[in-house]
Amino acid sequence: MNDGKYKVIYDKEFSAYPKFEFEIDGQYLTEINSELNRKYEIEKLDQSSFRLKSLNKETDSLTEFQKTLMSQGKPYYEITDCKNDTINFTMRVNLHVISHSGKFVRIK
């Protein structure tokens, strides 16, 4: 993904997930307009997938569901399609389990 600001639009079945925006600057992603505005390092796994490594060491802020997901493996994003400023993604817990999916839409 290129540097800039993006908003997350979840697929219909995940529409209850908290909405947020983020900014990418080089190898770093920072949440904006969210409750915690956490900062992450982007760890590229291959050409179409990446993991976010938290630069904040707080795990108390995770929900019980998020803690369960973390214990099942290291979640990662898989880019499934990319057109202009819209990037379709699937968040996977592992090869067989999908956490959620949607789009990253570049806004700036």
PDB file of N, CA and C in Angstrom:
ATOM      1  N   MET A   1       0.847  -1.182   0.000  1.00  0.00           N
ATOM      2  CA  MET A   1       0.000   0.000   0.000  1.00  0.00           C
ATOM      3  C   MET A   1       0.887   1.238   0.000  1.00  0.00           C
ATOM      4  N   ASN A   2       0.389   2.253  -0.649  1.00  0.00           N
ATOM      5  CA  ASN A   2       1.128   3.508  -0.729  1.00  0.00           C
ATOM      6  C   ASN A   2       0.868   4.374   0.487  1.00  0.00           C
ATOM      7  N   ASP A   3       1.792   5.293   0.769  1.00  0.00           N
ATOM      8  CA  ASP A   3       1.594   6.252   1.848  1.00  0.00           C
ATOM      9  C   ASP A   3       0.300   7.024   1.605  1.00  0.00           C
ATOM     10  N   GLY A   4      -0.367   7.399   2.685  1.00  0.00           N
ATOM     11  CA  GLY A   4      -1.598   8.173   2.583  1.00  0.00           C
ATOM     12  C   GLY A   4      -2.575   7.799   3.668  1.00  0.00           C
ATOM     13  N   LYS A   5      -3.782   8.382   3.571  1.00  0.00           N
ATOM     14  CA  LYS A   5      -4.848   8.108   4.543  1.00  0.00           C
ATOM     15  C   LYS A   5      -5.884   7.206   3.894  1.00  0.00           C
ATOM     16  N   TYR A   6      -6.374   6.246   4.685  1.00  0.00           N
ATOM     17  CA  TYR A   6      -7.336   5.261   4.202  1.00  0.00           C
ATOM     18  C   TYR A   6      -8.473   5.127   5.209  1.00  0.00           C
ATOM     19  N   LYS A   7      -9.656   4.728   4.712  1.00  0.00           N
ATOM     20  CA  LYS A   7     -10.733   4.350   5.621  1.00  0.00           C
ATOM     21  C   LYS A   7     -11.041   2.886   5.382  1.00  0.00           C
ATOM     22  N   VAL A   8     -11.532   2.226   6.419  1.00  0.00           N
ATOM     23  CA  VAL A   8     -11.864   0.810   6.347  1.00  0.00           C
ATOM     24  C   VAL A   8     -13.364   0.690   6.159  1.00  0.00           C
ATOM     25  N   ILE A   9     -13.772  -0.059   5.137  1.00  0.00           N
ATOM     26  CA  ILE A   9     -15.187  -0.359   4.903  1.00  0.00           C
ATOM     27  C   ILE A   9     -15.309  -1.877   4.954  1.00  0.00           C
ATOM     28  N   TYR A  10     -15.997  -2.372   5.978  1.00  0.00           N
ATOM     29  CA  TYR A  10     -16.130  -3.814   6.142  1.00  0.00           C
ATOM     30  C   TYR A  10     -17.216  -4.367   5.227  1.00  0.00           C
ATOM     31  N   ASP A  11     -17.055  -5.640   4.839  1.00  0.00           N
ATOM     32  CA  ASP A  11     -18.105  -6.320   4.094  1.00  0.00           C
ATOM     33  C   ASP A  11     -19.356  -6.404   4.968  1.00  0.00           C
ATOM     34  N   LYS A  12     -20.496  -6.590   4.320  1.00  0.00           N
ATOM     35  CA  LYS A  12     -21.803  -6.546   4.986  1.00  0.00           C
ATOM     36  C   LYS A  12     -21.867  -7.390   6.267  1.00  0.00           C
ATOM     37  N   GLU A  13     -21.342  -8.605   6.203  1.00  0.00           N
ATOM     38  CA  GLU A  13     -21.454  -9.489   7.377  1.00  0.00           C
ATOM     39  C   GLU A  13     -20.585  -9.050   8.556  1.00  0.00           C
ATOM     40  N   PHE A  14     -19.685  -8.097   8.330  1.00  0.00           N
ATOM     41  CA  PHE A  14     -18.825  -7.592   9.405  1.00  0.00           C
ATOM     42  C   PHE A  14     -19.111  -6.114   9.701  1.00  0.00           C
ATOM     43  N   SER A  15     -20.264  -5.626   9.282  1.00  0.00           N
ATOM     44  CA  SER A  15     -20.571  -4.190   9.384  1.00  0.00           C
ATOM     45  C   SER A  15     -20.666  -3.693  10.828  1.00  0.00           C
ATOM     46  N   ALA A  16     -20.790  -4.585  11.800  1.00  0.00           N
ATOM     47  CA  ALA A  16     -20.859  -4.164  13.205  1.00  0.00           C
ATOM     48  C   ALA A  16     -19.471  -3.865  13.783  1.00  0.00           C
ATOM     49  N   TYR A  17     -18.400  -4.213  13.066  1.00  0.00           N
ATOM     50  CA  TYR A  17     -17.046  -3.938  13.544  1.00  0.00           C
ATOM     51  C   TYR A  17     -16.843  -2.431  13.655  1.00  0.00           C
ATOM     52  N   PRO A  18     -16.035  -1.988  14.616  1.00  0.00           N
ATOM     53  CA  PRO A  18     -15.825  -0.537  14.771  1.00  0.00           C
ATOM     54  C   PRO A  18     -15.127   0.063  13.550  1.00  0.00           C
ATOM     55  N   LYS A  19     -15.672   1.150  13.063  1.00  0.00           N
ATOM     56  CA  LYS A  19     -15.108   1.810  11.889  1.00  0.00           C
ATOM     57  C   LYS A  19     -13.890   2.646  12.313  1.00  0.00           C
ATOM     58  N   PHE A  20     -12.913   2.718  11.426  1.00  0.00           N
ATOM     59  CA  PHE A  20     -11.758   3.564  11.715  1.00  0.00           C
ATOM     60  C   PHE A  20     -11.042   3.919  10.423  1.00  0.00           C
ATOM     61  N   GLU A  21     -10.140   4.848  10.548  1.00  0.00           N
ATOM     62  CA  GLU A  21      -9.288   5.246   9.434  1.00  0.00           C
ATOM     63  C   GLU A  21      -7.851   5.069   9.887  1.00  0.00           C
ATOM     64  N   PHE A  22      -6.939   5.032   8.924  1.00  0.00           N
ATOM     65  CA  PHE A  22      -5.536   4.899   9.282  1.00  0.00           C
ATOM     66  C   PHE A  22      -4.686   5.646   8.277  1.00  0.00           C
ATOM     67  N   GLU A  23      -3.463   5.911   8.702  1.00  0.00           N
ATOM     68  CA  GLU A  23      -2.511   6.603   7.853  1.00  0.00           C
ATOM     69  C   GLU A  23      -1.263   5.733   7.730  1.00  0.00           C
ATOM     70  N   ILE A  24      -0.756   5.618   6.500  1.00  0.00           N
ATOM     71  CA  ILE A  24       0.473   4.868   6.265  1.00  0.00           C
ATOM     72  C   ILE A  24       1.577   5.853   5.948  1.00  0.00           C
ATOM     73  N   ASP A  25       2.696   5.672   6.643  1.00  0.00           N
ATOM     74  CA  ASP A  25       3.885   6.478   6.404  1.00  0.00           C
ATOM     75  C   ASP A  25       5.068   5.516   6.373  1.00  0.00           C
ATOM     76  N   GLY A  26       5.479   5.147   5.176  1.00  0.00           N
ATOM     77  CA  GLY A  26       6.578   4.188   5.039  1.00  0.00           C
ATOM     78  C   GLY A  26       6.174   2.835   5.556  1.00  0.00           C
ATOM     79  N   GLN A  27       6.906   2.331   6.548  1.00  0.00           N
ATOM     80  CA  GLN A  27       6.639   1.017   7.122  1.00  0.00           C
ATOM     81  C   GLN A  27       5.706   1.085   8.331  1.00  0.00           C
ATOM     82  N   TYR A  28       5.084   2.240   8.579  1.00  0.00           N
ATOM     83  CA  TYR A  28       4.262   2.402   9.774  1.00  0.00           C
ATOM     84  C   TYR A  28       2.827   2.729   9.426  1.00  0.00           C
ATOM     85  N   LEU A  29       1.913   2.177  10.224  1.00  0.00           N
ATOM     86  CA  LEU A  29       0.481   2.430  10.094  1.00  0.00           C
ATOM     87  C   LEU A  29      -0.006   2.970  11.426  1.00  0.00           C
ATOM     88  N   THR A  30      -0.725   4.089  11.391  1.00  0.00           N
ATOM     89  CA  THR A  30      -1.278   4.681  12.602  1.00  0.00           C
ATOM     90  C   THR A  30      -2.780   4.809  12.450  1.00  0.00           C
ATOM     91  N   GLU A  31      -3.528   4.267  13.421  1.00  0.00           N
ATOM     92  CA  GLU A  31      -4.980   4.426  13.407  1.00  0.00           C
ATOM     93  C   GLU A  31      -5.305   5.886  13.672  1.00  0.00           C
ATOM     94  N   ILE A  32      -6.296   6.400  12.975  1.00  0.00           N
ATOM     95  CA  ILE A  32      -6.813   7.743  13.257  1.00  0.00           C
ATOM     96  C   ILE A  32      -8.325   7.638  13.358  1.00  0.00           C
ATOM     97  N   ASN A  33      -8.933   8.531  14.087  1.00  0.00           N
ATOM     98  CA  ASN A  33     -10.381   8.527  14.298  1.00  0.00           C
ATOM     99  C   ASN A  33     -10.872   7.220  14.912  1.00  0.00           C
ATOM    100  N   SER A  34     -10.042   6.575  15.738  1.00  0.00           N
ATOM    101  CA  SER A  34     -10.483   5.380  16.465  1.00  0.00           C
ATOM    102  C   SER A  34     -10.339   5.679  17.952  1.00  0.00           C
ATOM    103  N   GLU A  35     -10.757   4.744  18.775  1.00  0.00           N
ATOM    104  CA  GLU A  35     -10.697   4.980  20.218  1.00  0.00           C
ATOM    105  C   GLU A  35      -9.269   5.114  20.734  1.00  0.00           C
ATOM    106  N   LEU A  36      -8.347   4.292  20.207  1.00  0.00           N
ATOM    107  CA  LEU A  36      -7.007   4.231  20.796  1.00  0.00           C
ATOM    108  C   LEU A  36      -5.901   4.820  19.926  1.00  0.00           C
ATOM    109  N   ASN A  37      -6.151   5.007  18.637  1.00  0.00           N
ATOM    110  CA  ASN A  37      -5.134   5.538  17.717  1.00  0.00           C
ATOM    111  C   ASN A  37      -3.795   4.826  17.878  1.00  0.00           C
ATOM    112  N   ARG A  38      -3.832   3.500  17.803  1.00  0.00           N
ATOM    113  CA  ARG A  38      -2.623   2.693  17.963  1.00  0.00           C
ATOM    114  C   ARG A  38      -1.704   2.830  16.752  1.00  0.00           C
ATOM    115  N   LYS A  39      -0.424   2.525  16.966  1.00  0.00           N
ATOM    116  CA  LYS A  39       0.577   2.599  15.911  1.00  0.00           C
ATOM    117  C   LYS A  39       1.183   1.211  15.708  1.00  0.00           C
ATOM    118  N   TYR A  40       1.415   0.853  14.427  1.00  0.00           N
ATOM    119  CA  TYR A  40       1.923  -0.461  14.072  1.00  0.00           C
ATOM    120  C   TYR A  40       3.074  -0.348  13.079  1.00  0.00           C
ATOM    121  N   GLU A  41       3.913  -1.360  13.083  1.00  0.00           N
ATOM    122  CA  GLU A  41       4.904  -1.521  12.029  1.00  0.00           C
ATOM    123  C   GLU A  41       4.320  -2.536  11.049  1.00  0.00           C
ATOM    124  N   ILE A  42       4.427  -2.248   9.748  1.00  0.00           N
ATOM    125  CA  ILE A  42       3.908  -3.152   8.729  1.00  0.00           C
ATOM    126  C   ILE A  42       4.982  -4.187   8.420  1.00  0.00           C
ATOM    127  N   GLU A  43       4.650  -5.438   8.657  1.00  0.00           N
ATOM    128  CA  GLU A  43       5.575  -6.543   8.408  1.00  0.00           C
ATOM    129  C   GLU A  43       5.087  -7.289   7.162  1.00  0.00           C
ATOM    130  N   LYS A  44       5.785  -7.100   6.058  1.00  0.00           N
ATOM    131  CA  LYS A  44       5.386  -7.715   4.795  1.00  0.00           C
ATOM    132  C   LYS A  44       5.702  -9.209   4.842  1.00  0.00           C
ATOM    133  N   LEU A  45       4.704 -10.047   4.514  1.00  0.00           N
ATOM    134  CA  LEU A  45       4.894 -11.492   4.536  1.00  0.00           C
ATOM    135  C   LEU A  45       5.236 -12.026   3.147  1.00  0.00           C
ATOM    136  N   ASP A  46       4.538 -11.539   2.151  1.00  0.00           N
ATOM    137  CA  ASP A  46       4.851 -11.838   0.758  1.00  0.00           C
ATOM    138  C   ASP A  46       4.237 -10.732  -0.090  1.00  0.00           C
ATOM    139  N   GLN A  47       4.102 -10.962  -1.379  1.00  0.00           N
ATOM    140  CA  GLN A  47       3.658  -9.896  -2.264  1.00  0.00           C
ATOM    141  C   GLN A  47       2.225  -9.440  -1.988  1.00  0.00           C
ATOM    142  N   SER A  48       1.382 -10.327  -1.447  1.00  0.00           N
ATOM    143  CA  SER A  48      -0.018  -9.953  -1.250  1.00  0.00           C
ATOM    144  C   SER A  48      -0.501 -10.092   0.186  1.00  0.00           C
ATOM    145  N   SER A  49       0.408 -10.191   1.147  1.00  0.00           N
ATOM    146  CA  SER A  49      -0.044 -10.277   2.532  1.00  0.00           C
ATOM    147  C   SER A  49       0.936  -9.589   3.476  1.00  0.00           C
ATOM    148  N   PHE A  50       0.378  -9.121   4.600  1.00  0.00           N
ATOM    149  CA  PHE A  50       1.186  -8.438   5.599  1.00  0.00           C
ATOM    150  C   PHE A  50       0.559  -8.599   6.969  1.00  0.00           C
ATOM    151  N   ARG A  51       1.358  -8.356   7.986  1.00  0.00           N
ATOM    152  CA  ARG A  51       0.930  -8.430   9.375  1.00  0.00           C
ATOM    153  C   ARG A  51       1.238  -7.082  10.006  1.00  0.00           C
ATOM    154  N   LEU A  52       0.433  -6.693  10.983  1.00  0.00           N
ATOM    155  CA  LEU A  52       0.690  -5.459  11.722  1.00  0.00           C
ATOM    156  C   LEU A  52       1.289  -5.820  13.074  1.00  0.00           C
ATOM    157  N   LYS A  53       2.471  -5.298  13.340  1.00  0.00           N
ATOM    158  CA  LYS A  53       3.155  -5.538  14.604  1.00  0.00           C
ATOM    159  C   LYS A  53       2.954  -4.302  15.470  1.00  0.00           C
ATOM    160  N   SER A  54       2.260  -4.468  16.579  1.00  0.00           N
ATOM    161  CA  SER A  54       1.932  -3.335  17.440  1.00  0.00           C
ATOM    162  C   SER A  54       3.180  -2.711  18.044  1.00  0.00           C
ATOM    163  N   LEU A  55       3.232  -1.399  18.003  1.00  0.00           N
ATOM    164  CA  LEU A  55       4.320  -0.680  18.666  1.00  0.00           C
ATOM    165  C   LEU A  55       3.905  -0.298  20.085  1.00  0.00           C
ATOM    166  N   ASN A  56       2.617  -0.530  20.402  1.00  0.00           N
ATOM    167  CA  ASN A  56       2.110  -0.320  21.760  1.00  0.00           C
ATOM    168  C   ASN A  56       2.067  -1.690  22.411  1.00  0.00           C
ATOM    169  N   LYS A  57       2.604  -1.814  23.590  1.00  0.00           N
ATOM    170  CA  LYS A  57       2.674  -3.116  24.245  1.00  0.00           C
ATOM    171  C   LYS A  57       1.467  -3.402  25.133  1.00  0.00           C
ATOM    172  N   GLU A  58       0.345  -2.754  24.848  1.00  0.00           N
ATOM    173  CA  GLU A  58      -0.838  -2.956  25.692  1.00  0.00           C
ATOM    174  C   GLU A  58      -1.682  -4.088  25.129  1.00  0.00           C
ATOM    175  N   THR A  59      -1.904  -5.124  25.921  1.00  0.00           N
ATOM    176  CA  THR A  59      -2.822  -6.170  25.487  1.00  0.00           C
ATOM    177  C   THR A  59      -4.120  -6.092  26.278  1.00  0.00           C
ATOM    178  N   ASP A  60      -4.145  -5.307  27.334  1.00  0.00           N
ATOM    179  CA  ASP A  60      -5.356  -5.185  28.138  1.00  0.00           C
ATOM    180  C   ASP A  60      -6.493  -4.557  27.345  1.00  0.00           C
ATOM    181  N   SER A  61      -6.176  -3.779  26.313  1.00  0.00           N
ATOM    182  CA  SER A  61      -7.213  -3.097  25.554  1.00  0.00           C
ATOM    183  C   SER A  61      -7.895  -4.024  24.549  1.00  0.00           C
ATOM    184  N   LEU A  62      -7.362  -5.240  24.362  1.00  0.00           N
ATOM    185  CA  LEU A  62      -7.984  -6.178  23.436  1.00  0.00           C
ATOM    186  C   LEU A  62      -9.260  -6.749  24.043  1.00  0.00           C
ATOM    187  N   THR A  63     -10.257  -6.980  23.189  1.00  0.00           N
ATOM    188  CA  THR A  63     -11.471  -7.642  23.657  1.00  0.00           C
ATOM    189  C   THR A  63     -11.162  -9.116  23.870  1.00  0.00           C
ATOM    190  N   GLU A  64     -12.033  -9.824  24.559  1.00  0.00           N
ATOM    191  CA  GLU A  64     -11.813 -11.256  24.777  1.00  0.00           C
ATOM    192  C   GLU A  64     -11.755 -11.994  23.448  1.00  0.00           C
ATOM    193  N   PHE A  65     -12.583 -11.569  22.476  1.00  0.00           N
ATOM    194  CA  PHE A  65     -12.589 -12.183  21.159  1.00  0.00           C
ATOM    195  C   PHE A  65     -11.244 -11.974  20.470  1.00  0.00           C
ATOM    196  N   GLN A  66     -10.706 -10.765  20.550  1.00  0.00           N
ATOM    197  CA  GLN A  66      -9.411 -10.476  19.933  1.00  0.00           C
ATOM    198  C   GLN A  66      -8.296 -11.289  20.594  1.00  0.00           C
ATOM    199  N   LYS A  67      -8.347 -11.433  21.925  1.00  0.00           N
ATOM    200  CA  LYS A  67      -7.346 -12.234  22.629  1.00  0.00           C
ATOM    201  C   LYS A  67      -7.425 -13.691  22.186  1.00  0.00           C
ATOM    202  N   THR A  68      -8.650 -14.197  21.992  1.00  0.00           N
ATOM    203  CA  THR A  68      -8.830 -15.572  21.516  1.00  0.00           C
ATOM    204  C   THR A  68      -8.241 -15.732  20.134  1.00  0.00           C
ATOM    205  N   LEU A  69      -8.510 -14.760  19.247  1.00  0.00           N
ATOM    206  CA  LEU A  69      -7.955 -14.818  17.899  1.00  0.00           C
ATOM    207  C   LEU A  69      -6.434 -14.836  17.941  1.00  0.00           C
ATOM    208  N   MET A  70      -5.851 -14.000  18.777  1.00  0.00           N
ATOM    209  CA  MET A  70      -4.395 -13.924  18.880  1.00  0.00           C
ATOM    210  C   MET A  70      -3.818 -15.253  19.338  1.00  0.00           C
ATOM    211  N   SER A  71      -4.535 -15.970  20.192  1.00  0.00           N
ATOM    212  CA  SER A  71      -4.022 -17.236  20.708  1.00  0.00           C
ATOM    213  C   SER A  71      -4.104 -18.344  19.658  1.00  0.00           C
ATOM    214  N   GLN A  72      -4.890 -18.152  18.599  1.00  0.00           N
ATOM    215  CA  GLN A  72      -5.058 -19.171  17.563  1.00  0.00           C
ATOM    216  C   GLN A  72      -3.999 -19.072  16.477  1.00  0.00           C
ATOM    217  N   GLY A  73      -3.201 -18.043  16.483  1.00  0.00           N
ATOM    218  CA  GLY A  73      -2.204 -17.838  15.452  1.00  0.00           C
ATOM    219  C   GLY A  73      -1.925 -16.352  15.344  1.00  0.00           C
ATOM    220  N   LYS A  74      -1.076 -15.981  14.409  1.00  0.00           N
ATOM    221  CA  LYS A  74      -0.786 -14.559  14.227  1.00  0.00           C
ATOM    222  C   LYS A  74      -1.617 -14.050  13.065  1.00  0.00           C
ATOM    223  N   PRO A  75      -2.629 -13.216  13.334  1.00  0.00           N
ATOM    224  CA  PRO A  75      -3.497 -12.718  12.269  1.00  0.00           C
ATOM    225  C   PRO A  75      -2.701 -11.928  11.228  1.00  0.00           C
ATOM    226  N   TYR A  76      -3.165 -11.995   9.995  1.00  0.00           N
ATOM    227  CA  TYR A  76      -2.518 -11.247   8.925  1.00  0.00           C
ATOM    228  C   TYR A  76      -3.553 -10.834   7.886  1.00  0.00           C
ATOM    229  N   TYR A  77      -3.223  -9.800   7.137  1.00  0.00           N
ATOM    230  CA  TYR A  77      -4.090  -9.305   6.067  1.00  0.00           C
ATOM    231  C   TYR A  77      -3.633  -9.895   4.746  1.00  0.00           C
ATOM    232  N   GLU A  78      -4.600 -10.313   3.951  1.00  0.00           N
ATOM    233  CA  GLU A  78      -4.324 -10.806   2.612  1.00  0.00           C
ATOM    234  C   GLU A  78      -5.028  -9.885   1.621  1.00  0.00           C
ATOM    235  N   ILE A  79      -4.276  -9.306   0.707  1.00  0.00           N
ATOM    236  CA  ILE A  79      -4.846  -8.430  -0.311  1.00  0.00           C
ATOM    237  C   ILE A  79      -5.421  -9.324  -1.413  1.00  0.00           C
ATOM    238  N   THR A  80      -6.724  -9.182  -1.667  1.00  0.00           N
ATOM    239  CA  THR A  80      -7.372 -10.049  -2.650  1.00  0.00           C
ATOM    240  C   THR A  80      -7.596  -9.349  -3.987  1.00  0.00           C
ATOM    241  N   ASP A  81      -7.616  -8.012  -3.990  1.00  0.00           N
ATOM    242  CA  ASP A  81      -7.791  -7.270  -5.230  1.00  0.00           C
ATOM    243  C   ASP A  81      -7.398  -5.822  -4.983  1.00  0.00           C
ATOM    244  N   CYS A  82      -6.940  -5.157  -6.024  1.00  0.00           N
ATOM    245  CA  CYS A  82      -6.515  -3.767  -5.889  1.00  0.00           C
ATOM    246  C   CYS A  82      -6.848  -3.026  -7.180  1.00  0.00           C
ATOM    247  N   LYS A  83      -7.729  -2.019  -7.070  1.00  0.00           N
ATOM    248  CA  LYS A  83      -8.083  -1.199  -8.225  1.00  0.00           C
ATOM    249  C   LYS A  83      -8.042   0.262  -7.811  1.00  0.00           C
ATOM    250  N   ASN A  84      -7.195   1.019  -8.481  1.00  0.00           N
ATOM    251  CA  ASN A  84      -7.034   2.441  -8.192  1.00  0.00           C
ATOM    252  C   ASN A  84      -6.780   2.668  -6.707  1.00  0.00           C
ATOM    253  N   ASP A  85      -7.704   3.339  -6.018  1.00  0.00           N
ATOM    254  CA  ASP A  85      -7.523   3.659  -4.597  1.00  0.00           C
ATOM    255  C   ASP A  85      -8.332   2.742  -3.675  1.00  0.00           C
ATOM    256  N   THR A  86      -8.761   1.585  -4.171  1.00  0.00           N
ATOM    257  CA  THR A  86      -9.540   0.643  -3.370  1.00  0.00           C
ATOM    258  C   THR A  86      -8.811  -0.699  -3.315  1.00  0.00           C
ATOM    259  N   ILE A  87      -8.576  -1.166  -2.095  1.00  0.00           N
ATOM    260  CA  ILE A  87      -7.849  -2.420  -1.877  1.00  0.00           C
ATOM    261  C   ILE A  87      -8.768  -3.364  -1.106  1.00  0.00           C
ATOM    262  N   ASN A  88      -9.128  -4.484  -1.710  1.00  0.00           N
ATOM    263  CA  ASN A  88      -9.943  -5.487  -1.021  1.00  0.00           C
ATOM    264  C   ASN A  88      -9.031  -6.345  -0.159  1.00  0.00           C
ATOM    265  N   PHE A  89      -9.495  -6.664   1.055  1.00  0.00           N
ATOM    266  CA  PHE A  89      -8.673  -7.460   1.964  1.00  0.00           C
ATOM    267  C   PHE A  89      -9.484  -8.520   2.685  1.00  0.00           C
ATOM    268  N   THR A  90      -8.780  -9.515   3.146  1.00  0.00           N
ATOM    269  CA  THR A  90      -9.321 -10.528   4.048  1.00  0.00           C
ATOM    270  C   THR A  90      -8.363 -10.602   5.225  1.00  0.00           C
ATOM    271  N   MET A  91      -8.897 -10.505   6.421  1.00  0.00           N
ATOM    272  CA  MET A  91      -8.084 -10.656   7.633  1.00  0.00           C
ATOM    273  C   MET A  91      -8.190 -12.110   8.049  1.00  0.00           C
ATOM    274  N   ARG A  92      -7.065 -12.800   8.038  1.00  0.00           N
ATOM    275  CA  ARG A  92      -7.043 -14.224   8.369  1.00  0.00           C
ATOM    276  C   ARG A  92      -6.348 -14.451   9.710  1.00  0.00           C
ATOM    277  N   VAL A  93      -6.894 -15.393  10.466  1.00  0.00           N
ATOM    278  CA  VAL A  93      -6.248 -15.822  11.700  1.00  0.00           C
ATOM    279  C   VAL A  93      -5.206 -16.868  11.339  1.00  0.00           C
ATOM    280  N   ASN A  94      -5.563 -17.720  10.390  1.00  0.00           N
ATOM    281  CA  ASN A  94      -4.638 -18.686   9.819  1.00  0.00           C
ATOM    282  C   ASN A  94      -5.168 -19.043   8.433  1.00  0.00           C
ATOM    283  N   LEU A  95      -4.601 -20.013   7.808  1.00  0.00           N
ATOM    284  CA  LEU A  95      -4.977 -20.349   6.439  1.00  0.00           C
ATOM    285  C   LEU A  95      -6.450 -20.715   6.300  1.00  0.00           C
ATOM    286  N   HIS A  96      -7.060 -21.242   7.357  1.00  0.00           N
ATOM    287  CA  HIS A  96      -8.425 -21.756   7.277  1.00  0.00           C
ATOM    288  C   HIS A  96      -9.479 -20.867   7.936  1.00  0.00           C
ATOM    289  N   VAL A  97      -9.061 -19.924   8.749  1.00  0.00           N
ATOM    290  CA  VAL A  97     -10.020 -19.122   9.508  1.00  0.00           C
ATOM    291  C   VAL A  97      -9.931 -17.649   9.109  1.00  0.00           C
ATOM    292  N   ILE A  98     -11.085 -17.098   8.691  1.00  0.00           N
ATOM    293  CA  ILE A  98     -11.159 -15.680   8.335  1.00  0.00           C
ATOM    294  C   ILE A  98     -11.785 -14.923   9.497  1.00  0.00           C
ATOM    295  N   SER A  99     -11.141 -13.847   9.919  1.00  0.00           N
ATOM    296  CA  SER A  99     -11.661 -13.000  10.990  1.00  0.00           C
ATOM    297  C   SER A  99     -12.673 -12.001  10.436  1.00  0.00           C
ATOM    298  N   HIS A 100     -12.291 -11.293   9.368  1.00  0.00           N
ATOM    299  CA  HIS A 100     -13.189 -10.340   8.718  1.00  0.00           C
ATOM    300  C   HIS A 100     -12.622  -9.938   7.363  1.00  0.00           C
ATOM    301  N   SER A 101     -13.411  -9.188   6.621  1.00  0.00           N
ATOM    302  CA  SER A 101     -12.985  -8.759   5.281  1.00  0.00           C
ATOM    303  C   SER A 101     -13.639  -7.438   4.927  1.00  0.00           C
ATOM    304  N   GLY A 102     -13.100  -6.789   3.906  1.00  0.00           N
ATOM    305  CA  GLY A 102     -13.650  -5.511   3.487  1.00  0.00           C
ATOM    306  C   GLY A 102     -12.728  -4.829   2.500  1.00  0.00           C
ATOM    307  N   LYS A 103     -12.723  -3.492   2.581  1.00  0.00           N
ATOM    308  CA  LYS A 103     -11.925  -2.674   1.673  1.00  0.00           C
ATOM    309  C   LYS A 103     -11.174  -1.596   2.440  1.00  0.00           C
ATOM    310  N   PHE A 104      -9.977  -1.285   1.963  1.00  0.00           N
ATOM    311  CA  PHE A 104      -9.255  -0.094   2.388  1.00  0.00           C
ATOM    312  C   PHE A 104      -9.425   0.890   1.237  1.00  0.00           C
ATOM    313  N   VAL A 105      -9.995   2.064   1.522  1.00  0.00           N
ATOM    314  CA  VAL A 105     -10.218   3.051   0.480  1.00  0.00           C
ATOM    315  C   VAL A 105      -9.362   4.278   0.783  1.00  0.00           C
ATOM    316  N   ARG A 106      -8.510   4.636  -0.153  1.00  0.00           N
ATOM    317  CA  ARG A 106      -7.617   5.788   0.031  1.00  0.00           C
ATOM    318  C   ARG A 106      -8.434   7.069  -0.038  1.00  0.00           C
ATOM    319  N   ILE A 107      -8.268   7.928   0.982  1.00  0.00           N
ATOM    320  CA  ILE A 107      -9.012   9.193   1.031  1.00  0.00           C
ATOM    321  C   ILE A 107      -8.109  10.402   0.843  1.00  0.00           C
ATOM    322  N   LYS A 108      -6.787  10.228   0.937  1.00  0.00           N
ATOM    323  CA  LYS A 108      -5.834  11.325   0.722  1.00  0.00           C
ATOM    324  C   LYS A 108      -4.527  10.790   0.224  1.00  0.00           C
TER     325      LYS A 108
END
